[in-house]
Amino acid sequence: MYLVHAGFRASAPGARLPAAAADLIRSLADADGLSAEHVSAHPHALPDPVVGVFLVADSLSEAERRTETLCRRALDVVPALRGWTLTRVGAPLVTPYYERLLLSSSGPAGRIGSGPLPSI
């Protein structure tokens, strides 16, 4: 299963992603046979609102392609999304989360990760 994020931008400054955006996109996925397992909206994400799509696919590139197809179709047919554009589609990077987790964890021997991470 893959999580793919799709960024949306409104044509009007200050516009908010519709509250039902996730449900509308999910119902469209079901109707089109794109088999999204779950869709969630993050209307306050920066720099643009994000819709997260969880789906089963054979590869990340297929999951991203299917998510892009789904979101572009939603922009074309869902009246509540008229005037919005798709800004990006891709798997989110979770590295900062795990770095914070490592730096703040305590193990049996005490604090893990004291100090900055080494440069690669």
N, C-alpha and C. Protein backbone atom coordinates (compact mmCIF):
# COMPACT_ATOMS: atom_id res chain seq x y z
N MET A 1 0.85 -1.17 0.00
CA MET A 1 0.00 0.00 0.00
C MET A 1 0.90 1.23 0.00
N TYR A 2 0.47 2.22 -0.74
CA TYR A 2 1.23 3.46 -0.86
C TYR A 2 0.38 4.64 -0.39
N LEU A 3 1.05 5.62 0.17
CA LEU A 3 0.43 6.90 0.47
C LEU A 3 1.01 7.90 -0.51
N VAL A 4 0.13 8.54 -1.26
CA VAL A 4 0.54 9.56 -2.23
C VAL A 4 -0.18 10.86 -1.87
N HIS A 5 0.58 11.94 -1.82
CA HIS A 5 0.01 13.25 -1.55
C HIS A 5 -0.18 14.01 -2.86
N ALA A 6 -1.30 14.72 -2.93
CA ALA A 6 -1.59 15.60 -4.07
C ALA A 6 -1.83 16.99 -3.52
N GLY A 7 -1.06 17.96 -4.01
CA GLY A 7 -1.21 19.34 -3.58
C GLY A 7 -2.19 20.07 -4.47
N PHE A 8 -3.04 20.87 -3.87
CA PHE A 8 -4.04 21.65 -4.61
C PHE A 8 -3.88 23.12 -4.31
N ARG A 9 -4.09 23.94 -5.32
CA ARG A 9 -4.03 25.39 -5.14
C ARG A 9 -5.30 26.02 -5.68
N ALA A 10 -5.85 26.94 -4.91
CA ALA A 10 -7.06 27.65 -5.32
C ALA A 10 -6.70 28.79 -6.26
N SER A 11 -7.62 29.12 -7.16
CA SER A 11 -7.38 30.25 -8.05
C SER A 11 -7.58 31.57 -7.32
N ALA A 12 -8.40 31.56 -6.28
CA ALA A 12 -8.67 32.77 -5.51
C ALA A 12 -7.88 32.73 -4.20
N PRO A 13 -7.15 33.80 -3.89
CA PRO A 13 -6.41 33.83 -2.62
C PRO A 13 -7.35 33.67 -1.43
N GLY A 14 -6.92 32.87 -0.47
CA GLY A 14 -7.70 32.67 0.75
C GLY A 14 -8.80 31.63 0.64
N ALA A 15 -9.00 31.04 -0.54
CA ALA A 15 -10.03 30.01 -0.68
C ALA A 15 -9.62 28.78 0.11
N ARG A 16 -10.61 28.08 0.62
CA ARG A 16 -10.34 26.88 1.41
C ARG A 16 -10.77 25.64 0.66
N LEU A 17 -9.98 24.59 0.82
CA LEU A 17 -10.33 23.32 0.23
C LEU A 17 -11.68 22.90 0.82
N PRO A 18 -12.63 22.49 -0.01
CA PRO A 18 -13.95 22.12 0.52
C PRO A 18 -13.84 21.03 1.59
N ALA A 19 -14.66 21.14 2.60
CA ALA A 19 -14.63 20.18 3.71
C ALA A 19 -14.87 18.75 3.23
N ALA A 20 -15.65 18.59 2.19
CA ALA A 20 -15.99 17.26 1.70
C ALA A 20 -15.04 16.78 0.60
N ALA A 21 -13.92 17.46 0.39
CA ALA A 21 -13.02 17.11 -0.72
C ALA A 21 -12.59 15.65 -0.68
N ALA A 22 -12.21 15.15 0.47
CA ALA A 22 -11.75 13.76 0.58
C ALA A 22 -12.85 12.79 0.20
N ASP A 23 -14.06 13.02 0.71
CA ASP A 23 -15.18 12.12 0.40
C ASP A 23 -15.54 12.19 -1.08
N LEU A 24 -15.50 13.38 -1.65
CA LEU A 24 -15.82 13.53 -3.07
C LEU A 24 -14.81 12.80 -3.95
N ILE A 25 -13.54 12.93 -3.61
CA ILE A 25 -12.50 12.27 -4.39
C ILE A 25 -12.58 10.76 -4.20
N ARG A 26 -12.84 10.32 -2.99
CA ARG A 26 -12.95 8.88 -2.71
C ARG A 26 -14.11 8.27 -3.49
N SER A 27 -15.26 8.95 -3.53
CA SER A 27 -16.41 8.41 -4.26
C SER A 27 -16.13 8.36 -5.75
N LEU A 28 -15.38 9.32 -6.24
CA LEU A 28 -15.00 9.31 -7.65
C LEU A 28 -14.05 8.15 -7.95
N ALA A 29 -13.15 7.86 -7.04
CA ALA A 29 -12.23 6.73 -7.21
C ALA A 29 -13.02 5.43 -7.30
N ASP A 30 -14.00 5.26 -6.44
CA ASP A 30 -14.82 4.06 -6.47
C ASP A 30 -15.57 3.95 -7.79
N ALA A 31 -16.14 5.06 -8.25
CA ALA A 31 -16.91 5.05 -9.49
C ALA A 31 -16.04 4.75 -10.70
N ASP A 32 -14.79 5.19 -10.67
CA ASP A 32 -13.88 4.99 -11.79
C ASP A 32 -13.05 3.72 -11.68
N GLY A 33 -13.25 2.96 -10.60
CA GLY A 33 -12.50 1.72 -10.43
C GLY A 33 -11.03 1.93 -10.12
N LEU A 34 -10.66 3.06 -9.52
CA LEU A 34 -9.26 3.34 -9.21
C LEU A 34 -8.84 2.79 -7.85
N SER A 35 -9.76 2.21 -7.13
CA SER A 35 -9.53 1.50 -5.89
C SER A 35 -8.62 2.21 -4.89
N ALA A 36 -8.99 3.40 -4.51
CA ALA A 36 -8.31 4.08 -3.41
C ALA A 36 -8.85 3.50 -2.11
N GLU A 37 -7.95 3.07 -1.24
CA GLU A 37 -8.36 2.47 0.03
C GLU A 37 -8.89 3.53 1.01
N HIS A 38 -8.27 4.69 0.98
CA HIS A 38 -8.65 5.77 1.89
C HIS A 38 -8.17 7.09 1.30
N VAL A 39 -8.95 8.13 1.50
CA VAL A 39 -8.57 9.48 1.05
C VAL A 39 -8.77 10.42 2.23
N SER A 40 -7.78 11.23 2.52
CA SER A 40 -7.90 12.21 3.60
C SER A 40 -7.44 13.57 3.10
N ALA A 41 -8.07 14.60 3.63
CA ALA A 41 -7.73 15.97 3.23
C ALA A 41 -7.02 16.67 4.38
N HIS A 42 -6.03 17.47 4.02
CA HIS A 42 -5.30 18.30 4.98
C HIS A 42 -5.39 19.74 4.47
N PRO A 43 -6.50 20.41 4.77
CA PRO A 43 -6.75 21.73 4.19
C PRO A 43 -5.80 22.83 4.67
N HIS A 44 -5.11 22.62 5.77
CA HIS A 44 -4.22 23.65 6.32
C HIS A 44 -2.75 23.39 6.04
N ALA A 45 -2.45 22.37 5.23
CA ALA A 45 -1.06 22.07 4.90
C ALA A 45 -0.45 23.23 4.12
N LEU A 46 0.85 23.41 4.28
CA LEU A 46 1.56 24.49 3.58
C LEU A 46 2.59 23.90 2.65
N PRO A 47 2.82 24.44 1.51
CA PRO A 47 2.32 25.74 1.05
C PRO A 47 0.91 25.68 0.47
N ASP A 48 0.39 24.47 0.21
CA ASP A 48 -0.95 24.30 -0.35
C ASP A 48 -1.66 23.17 0.36
N PRO A 49 -3.00 23.19 0.34
CA PRO A 49 -3.74 22.06 0.89
C PRO A 49 -3.32 20.76 0.20
N VAL A 50 -3.41 19.65 0.95
CA VAL A 50 -2.98 18.36 0.44
C VAL A 50 -4.10 17.35 0.63
N VAL A 51 -4.23 16.47 -0.36
CA VAL A 51 -5.11 15.32 -0.24
C VAL A 51 -4.21 14.09 -0.24
N GLY A 52 -4.35 13.24 0.76
CA GLY A 52 -3.59 12.00 0.85
C GLY A 52 -4.43 10.85 0.34
N VAL A 53 -3.86 10.07 -0.55
CA VAL A 53 -4.57 8.92 -1.13
C VAL A 53 -3.78 7.66 -0.79
N PHE A 54 -4.42 6.73 -0.09
CA PHE A 54 -3.83 5.44 0.21
C PHE A 54 -4.37 4.45 -0.82
N LEU A 55 -3.46 3.76 -1.53
CA LEU A 55 -3.92 2.80 -2.52
C LEU A 55 -2.93 1.67 -2.68
N VAL A 56 -3.45 0.55 -3.13
CA VAL A 56 -2.62 -0.61 -3.42
C VAL A 56 -2.23 -0.52 -4.89
N ALA A 57 -0.93 -0.67 -5.16
CA ALA A 57 -0.42 -0.62 -6.53
C ALA A 57 0.82 -1.49 -6.60
N ASP A 58 1.23 -1.82 -7.81
CA ASP A 58 2.42 -2.65 -8.00
C ASP A 58 3.72 -1.89 -7.78
N SER A 59 3.67 -0.57 -7.87
CA SER A 59 4.88 0.24 -7.69
C SER A 59 4.49 1.64 -7.25
N LEU A 60 5.47 2.36 -6.72
CA LEU A 60 5.23 3.75 -6.33
C LEU A 60 4.85 4.59 -7.54
N SER A 61 5.54 4.39 -8.66
CA SER A 61 5.23 5.21 -9.85
C SER A 61 3.80 4.95 -10.33
N GLU A 62 3.33 3.71 -10.24
CA GLU A 62 1.94 3.43 -10.61
C GLU A 62 0.97 4.11 -9.64
N ALA A 63 1.28 4.06 -8.35
CA ALA A 63 0.43 4.71 -7.34
C ALA A 63 0.36 6.21 -7.59
N GLU A 64 1.50 6.82 -7.90
CA GLU A 64 1.51 8.26 -8.18
C GLU A 64 0.73 8.58 -9.46
N ARG A 65 0.89 7.76 -10.48
CA ARG A 65 0.17 7.99 -11.74
C ARG A 65 -1.33 7.87 -11.52
N ARG A 66 -1.76 6.85 -10.79
CA ARG A 66 -3.20 6.67 -10.53
C ARG A 66 -3.76 7.80 -9.68
N THR A 67 -2.99 8.27 -8.71
CA THR A 67 -3.44 9.39 -7.89
C THR A 67 -3.57 10.65 -8.73
N GLU A 68 -2.60 10.89 -9.60
CA GLU A 68 -2.69 12.07 -10.47
C GLU A 68 -3.92 11.98 -11.38
N THR A 69 -4.16 10.81 -11.95
CA THR A 69 -5.33 10.62 -12.81
C THR A 69 -6.61 10.90 -12.03
N LEU A 70 -6.69 10.36 -10.83
CA LEU A 70 -7.86 10.56 -9.99
C LEU A 70 -8.07 12.03 -9.67
N CYS A 71 -7.02 12.73 -9.26
CA CYS A 71 -7.14 14.13 -8.86
C CYS A 71 -7.47 15.03 -10.06
N ARG A 72 -6.87 14.76 -11.20
CA ARG A 72 -7.20 15.56 -12.39
C ARG A 72 -8.66 15.34 -12.80
N ARG A 73 -9.11 14.10 -12.68
CA ARG A 73 -10.53 13.83 -12.99
C ARG A 73 -11.43 14.56 -12.00
N ALA A 74 -11.07 14.55 -10.73
CA ALA A 74 -11.86 15.26 -9.72
C ALA A 74 -11.95 16.75 -10.04
N LEU A 75 -10.83 17.34 -10.46
CA LEU A 75 -10.85 18.76 -10.81
C LEU A 75 -11.75 19.03 -12.00
N ASP A 76 -11.87 18.05 -12.89
CA ASP A 76 -12.72 18.22 -14.07
C ASP A 76 -14.21 18.04 -13.79
N VAL A 77 -14.56 17.15 -12.85
CA VAL A 77 -15.98 16.80 -12.72
C VAL A 77 -16.63 17.18 -11.38
N VAL A 78 -15.86 17.49 -10.37
CA VAL A 78 -16.45 17.82 -9.06
C VAL A 78 -16.65 19.33 -8.98
N PRO A 79 -17.92 19.78 -8.96
CA PRO A 79 -18.18 21.23 -8.94
C PRO A 79 -17.49 21.97 -7.80
N ALA A 80 -17.39 21.35 -6.62
CA ALA A 80 -16.77 22.02 -5.47
C ALA A 80 -15.28 22.26 -5.67
N LEU A 81 -14.66 21.60 -6.66
CA LEU A 81 -13.22 21.76 -6.90
C LEU A 81 -12.92 22.62 -8.13
N ARG A 82 -13.94 23.22 -8.71
CA ARG A 82 -13.71 24.10 -9.86
C ARG A 82 -12.88 25.30 -9.41
N GLY A 83 -11.90 25.63 -10.23
CA GLY A 83 -11.03 26.75 -9.90
C GLY A 83 -9.77 26.33 -9.16
N TRP A 84 -9.68 25.08 -8.76
CA TRP A 84 -8.50 24.56 -8.10
C TRP A 84 -7.59 23.92 -9.14
N THR A 85 -6.28 23.91 -8.87
CA THR A 85 -5.33 23.24 -9.76
C THR A 85 -4.48 22.27 -8.94
N LEU A 86 -3.98 21.28 -9.65
CA LEU A 86 -3.10 20.29 -9.04
C LEU A 86 -1.67 20.83 -9.12
N THR A 87 -0.99 20.93 -7.98
CA THR A 87 0.36 21.50 -7.97
C THR A 87 1.47 20.45 -7.93
N ARG A 88 1.18 19.30 -7.31
CA ARG A 88 2.20 18.26 -7.22
C ARG A 88 1.53 16.95 -6.82
N VAL A 89 2.18 15.86 -7.18
CA VAL A 89 1.73 14.52 -6.79
C VAL A 89 2.97 13.71 -6.47
N GLY A 90 3.02 13.10 -5.30
CA GLY A 90 4.18 12.29 -4.96
C GLY A 90 4.06 11.72 -3.57
N ALA A 91 4.89 10.73 -3.31
CA ALA A 91 4.94 10.13 -1.99
C ALA A 91 5.59 11.12 -1.02
N PRO A 92 5.01 11.30 0.16
CA PRO A 92 5.60 12.22 1.12
C PRO A 92 6.88 11.64 1.72
N LEU A 93 7.82 12.50 2.02
CA LEU A 93 9.05 12.09 2.69
C LEU A 93 8.80 12.11 4.19
N VAL A 94 9.16 11.05 4.85
CA VAL A 94 8.92 10.97 6.29
C VAL A 94 10.22 11.05 7.08
N THR A 95 11.32 11.32 6.43
CA THR A 95 12.62 11.36 7.09
C THR A 95 12.64 12.29 8.31
N PRO A 96 12.12 13.53 8.22
CA PRO A 96 12.19 14.39 9.40
C PRO A 96 11.49 13.79 10.62
N TYR A 97 10.40 13.08 10.41
CA TYR A 97 9.71 12.44 11.53
C TYR A 97 10.61 11.44 12.22
N TYR A 98 11.24 10.57 11.45
CA TYR A 98 12.10 9.55 12.04
C TYR A 98 13.36 10.14 12.65
N GLU A 99 13.90 11.20 12.07
CA GLU A 99 15.05 11.86 12.68
C GLU A 99 14.68 12.43 14.04
N ARG A 100 13.52 13.08 14.14
CA ARG A 100 13.06 13.62 15.43
C ARG A 100 12.85 12.48 16.43
N LEU A 101 12.28 11.38 15.95
CA LEU A 101 12.03 10.25 16.83
C LEU A 101 13.34 9.69 17.38
N LEU A 102 14.33 9.54 16.53
CA LEU A 102 15.63 9.04 16.98
C LEU A 102 16.29 9.99 17.96
N LEU A 103 16.19 11.28 17.70
CA LEU A 103 16.85 12.26 18.56
C LEU A 103 16.16 12.41 19.91
N SER A 104 14.88 12.05 20.00
CA SER A 104 14.17 12.24 21.25
C SER A 104 13.92 10.94 22.00
N SER A 105 14.32 9.80 21.44
CA SER A 105 14.05 8.50 22.08
C SER A 105 15.06 8.20 23.17
N SER A 106 14.61 7.44 24.10
CA SER A 106 15.50 6.91 25.14
C SER A 106 15.48 5.41 25.03
N GLY A 107 16.62 4.81 25.09
CA GLY A 107 16.71 3.36 25.05
C GLY A 107 17.21 2.86 26.38
N PRO A 108 17.50 1.56 26.48
CA PRO A 108 17.99 0.99 27.74
C PRO A 108 19.29 1.64 28.19
N ALA A 109 20.09 2.11 27.25
CA ALA A 109 21.38 2.71 27.62
C ALA A 109 21.28 4.23 27.75
N GLY A 110 20.08 4.76 27.67
CA GLY A 110 19.94 6.21 27.80
C GLY A 110 19.56 6.87 26.49
N ARG A 111 19.80 8.13 26.43
CA ARG A 111 19.39 8.94 25.28
C ARG A 111 20.14 8.51 24.02
N ILE A 112 19.38 8.35 22.93
CA ILE A 112 19.96 8.01 21.63
C ILE A 112 20.11 9.29 20.83
N GLY A 113 21.18 9.39 20.12
CA GLY A 113 21.31 10.50 19.17
C GLY A 113 21.64 11.83 19.80
N SER A 114 22.56 11.87 20.72
CA SER A 114 22.93 13.15 21.28
C SER A 114 23.83 13.87 20.29
N GLY A 115 23.39 15.02 19.88
CA GLY A 115 24.17 15.80 18.92
C GLY A 115 23.56 15.77 17.53
N PRO A 116 24.12 16.58 16.64
CA PRO A 116 23.56 16.68 15.30
C PRO A 116 23.83 15.42 14.50
N LEU A 117 23.00 15.22 13.47
CA LEU A 117 23.21 14.09 12.58
C LEU A 117 24.41 14.34 11.70
N PRO A 118 25.17 13.31 11.38
CA PRO A 118 26.34 13.50 10.53
C PRO A 118 25.92 13.84 9.10
N SER A 119 26.77 14.58 8.42
CA SER A 119 26.54 14.90 7.01
C SER A 119 26.82 13.66 6.17
N ILE A 120 26.04 13.54 5.12
CA ILE A 120 26.24 12.40 4.22
C ILE A 120 26.90 12.88 2.95
